Structures are given as C-alpha cells and as structure tokens.
Amino acid sequence: QVQLVESGGGLVQAGGSLTLSCAASGSSFTLNSWGWYRQVPGNERESVAFITSIGTSSYADSVKGRFTISRDNTKNSVYLVMDSLKPEDTAVYYCNAGGFTPRGPFNNWGQGTQVTVSS
C-alpha cells in the first residue's frame, strides 16, 4: 500500500506564494509520474501540473508561468510552488502518484489540502 500525505496549504493574499508538498510512503514501490489537481465544490477535479519519471513537466494554461512542479526522487516527494496566486486559484489541491508495487500498478491520491487566496 502506497500512501500519499500532503502539506503546505493555507490562506494567502492575492499575489502571494505557497508551496505544497506531497510525500509517498510504503514498502517496495516505484514511482513513475506525479500530478497535482485541484477541485472547487460543485466542479470537477482538474489537472494543474504533471511531472514524469524523467522530470518532464506540463501545466494547465491557467497556471502556466506561475506554478512550478518538481520532484525529489530521494525523498519520494513532489512539490508545487505557487507564485502570483489569484483568488481563482482557491481550491482543495490533491497530489496524485502512479507507479508499481510487487502486486502491480497503482494510482493513488493524497487527502487534499485547502488553498485559499484572498483578494
């Protein structure tokens, strides 16, 4: 079983910055890709950023140039640096990880962390 634990959400003023972290734990797993998603009540969960096993990243148009995803394979962790935050970035942010265990592939989610941007 691979578990993901997120941290770093909170309240920030528009124009400010936050860094989200997500760490994977468990036994005998290999991580491939990581992703950050967000969801506003009443809306579908949307992809924010994605990073592959070799570090290739991609972003939603709405956050391109403001958010940066990175990973630390030595710590089984992924990060999302969010700069120039806007009120419309307010959402619950979830990390997602895909990979393999001896039992087969997995695709797991973190518990979510609230990000609130005040105007």
Protein backbone atom coordinates (compact mmCIF):
# COMPACT_ATOMS: atom_id res chain seq x y z
CA GLN A 1 0.00 0.00 0.00
CA VAL A 2 1.39 3.37 -1.03
CA GLN A 3 0.15 6.36 0.93
CA LEU A 4 0.42 9.99 -0.05
CA VAL A 5 0.49 12.75 2.55
CA GLU A 6 0.19 16.38 1.56
CA SER A 7 1.15 19.53 3.39
CA GLY A 8 1.57 23.24 2.81
CA GLY A 9 -1.91 24.58 2.13
CA GLY A 10 -3.27 27.66 3.81
CA LEU A 11 -4.55 31.19 3.44
CA VAL A 12 -2.62 33.73 1.41
CA GLN A 13 -3.33 37.11 -0.11
CA ALA A 14 -3.56 37.57 -3.84
CA GLY A 15 -0.10 37.93 -5.32
CA GLY A 16 1.43 35.79 -2.63
CA SER A 17 3.07 32.39 -2.77
CA LEU A 18 2.59 28.94 -1.29
CA THR A 19 4.46 25.67 -1.64
CA LEU A 20 2.65 22.36 -1.46
CA SER A 21 4.44 19.13 -0.67
CA CYS A 22 3.40 15.52 -1.06
CA ALA A 23 5.34 12.52 0.19
CA ALA A 24 4.80 8.88 -0.66
CA SER A 25 5.34 6.15 1.88
CA GLY A 26 5.01 2.38 1.94
CA SER A 27 7.12 -0.61 1.11
CA SER A 28 8.53 -1.82 -2.18
CA PHE A 29 7.20 0.69 -4.66
CA THR A 30 8.47 2.52 -7.70
CA LEU A 31 7.12 5.94 -8.53
CA ASN A 32 6.64 6.99 -12.12
CA SER A 33 4.58 10.10 -12.58
CA TRP A 34 3.26 12.72 -10.21
CA GLY A 35 0.42 15.15 -10.66
CA TRP A 36 -1.26 17.99 -8.82
CA TYR A 37 -5.00 18.51 -9.23
CA ARG A 38 -7.49 20.90 -7.70
CA GLN A 39 -11.20 20.92 -7.07
CA VAL A 40 -13.73 23.57 -6.18
CA PRO A 41 -17.03 22.41 -4.64
CA GLY A 42 -19.53 21.70 -7.39
CA ASN A 43 -16.85 21.42 -10.05
CA GLU A 44 -14.88 18.52 -11.45
CA ARG A 45 -11.34 17.91 -10.32
CA GLU A 46 -8.94 19.50 -12.80
CA SER A 47 -5.33 18.85 -13.60
CA VAL A 48 -2.93 21.59 -12.56
CA ALA A 49 0.54 20.18 -13.21
CA PHE A 50 2.18 16.90 -14.10
CA ILE A 51 5.73 15.58 -14.00
CA THR A 52 7.09 12.36 -15.47
CA SER A 53 9.68 9.96 -14.12
CA ILE A 54 12.40 11.78 -16.05
CA GLY A 55 11.30 15.22 -14.92
CA THR A 56 9.34 16.41 -17.93
CA SER A 57 6.60 18.72 -16.70
CA SER A 58 3.39 20.17 -18.09
CA TYR A 59 0.90 22.69 -16.78
CA ALA A 60 -2.67 23.82 -17.19
CA ASP A 61 -2.86 27.04 -19.16
CA SER A 62 -4.38 28.80 -16.16
CA VAL A 63 -1.25 28.29 -14.05
CA LYS A 64 1.50 28.28 -16.65
CA GLY A 65 4.26 30.70 -15.72
CA ARG A 66 3.06 30.96 -12.11
CA PHE A 67 3.26 27.39 -10.76
CA THR A 68 6.27 25.07 -10.79
CA ILE A 69 6.16 21.34 -10.16
CA SER A 70 9.27 19.45 -9.09
CA ARG A 71 10.11 16.08 -7.61
CA ASP A 72 12.76 14.69 -5.29
CA ASN A 73 13.19 11.02 -6.02
CA THR A 74 15.44 10.55 -2.99
CA LYS A 75 12.56 11.62 -0.76
CA ASN A 76 9.71 10.13 -2.83
CA SER A 77 8.20 13.58 -2.86
CA VAL A 78 6.67 16.11 -5.20
CA TYR A 79 6.31 19.85 -4.73
CA LEU A 80 4.19 22.60 -6.22
CA VAL A 81 5.48 26.14 -5.90
CA MET A 82 2.63 28.53 -6.50
CA ASP A 83 3.53 32.16 -7.17
CA SER A 84 1.41 35.16 -8.08
CA LEU A 85 -1.63 33.47 -6.61
CA LYS A 86 -5.08 34.64 -7.65
CA PRO A 87 -8.44 34.27 -5.89
CA GLU A 88 -9.48 31.86 -8.64
CA ASP A 89 -6.70 29.50 -7.50
CA THR A 90 -8.72 28.84 -4.35
CA ALA A 91 -9.48 25.11 -4.20
CA VAL A 92 -8.63 21.86 -2.50
CA TYR A 93 -5.37 20.63 -4.02
CA TYR A 94 -4.67 16.92 -4.38
CA CYS A 95 -1.48 15.13 -5.31
CA ASN A 96 -1.60 12.01 -7.41
CA ALA A 97 1.09 9.40 -7.96
CA GLY A 98 1.35 6.50 -10.34
CA GLY A 99 3.79 3.65 -10.17
CA PHE A 100 4.28 -0.02 -9.38
CA THR A 101 4.43 -2.33 -6.40
CA PRO A 102 5.18 -6.07 -6.49
CA ARG A 103 1.39 -6.51 -6.63
CA GLY A 104 1.01 -4.41 -9.75
CA PRO A 105 0.42 -0.81 -10.80
CA PHE A 106 -1.10 1.82 -8.56
CA ASN A 107 -2.57 5.26 -8.96
CA ASN A 108 -3.17 6.91 -5.60
CA TRP A 109 -4.39 10.22 -4.26
CA GLY A 110 -3.46 12.34 -1.31
CA GLN A 111 -6.06 13.52 1.19
CA GLY A 112 -6.18 17.05 -0.19
CA THR A 113 -5.07 20.37 1.22
CA GLN A 114 -7.04 23.61 1.17
CA VAL A 115 -5.59 26.64 -0.57
CA THR A 116 -7.46 29.90 -0.09
CA VAL A 117 -6.41 33.09 -1.85
CA SER A 118 -8.00 36.28 -0.57
CA SER A 119 -8.46 39.33 -2.75
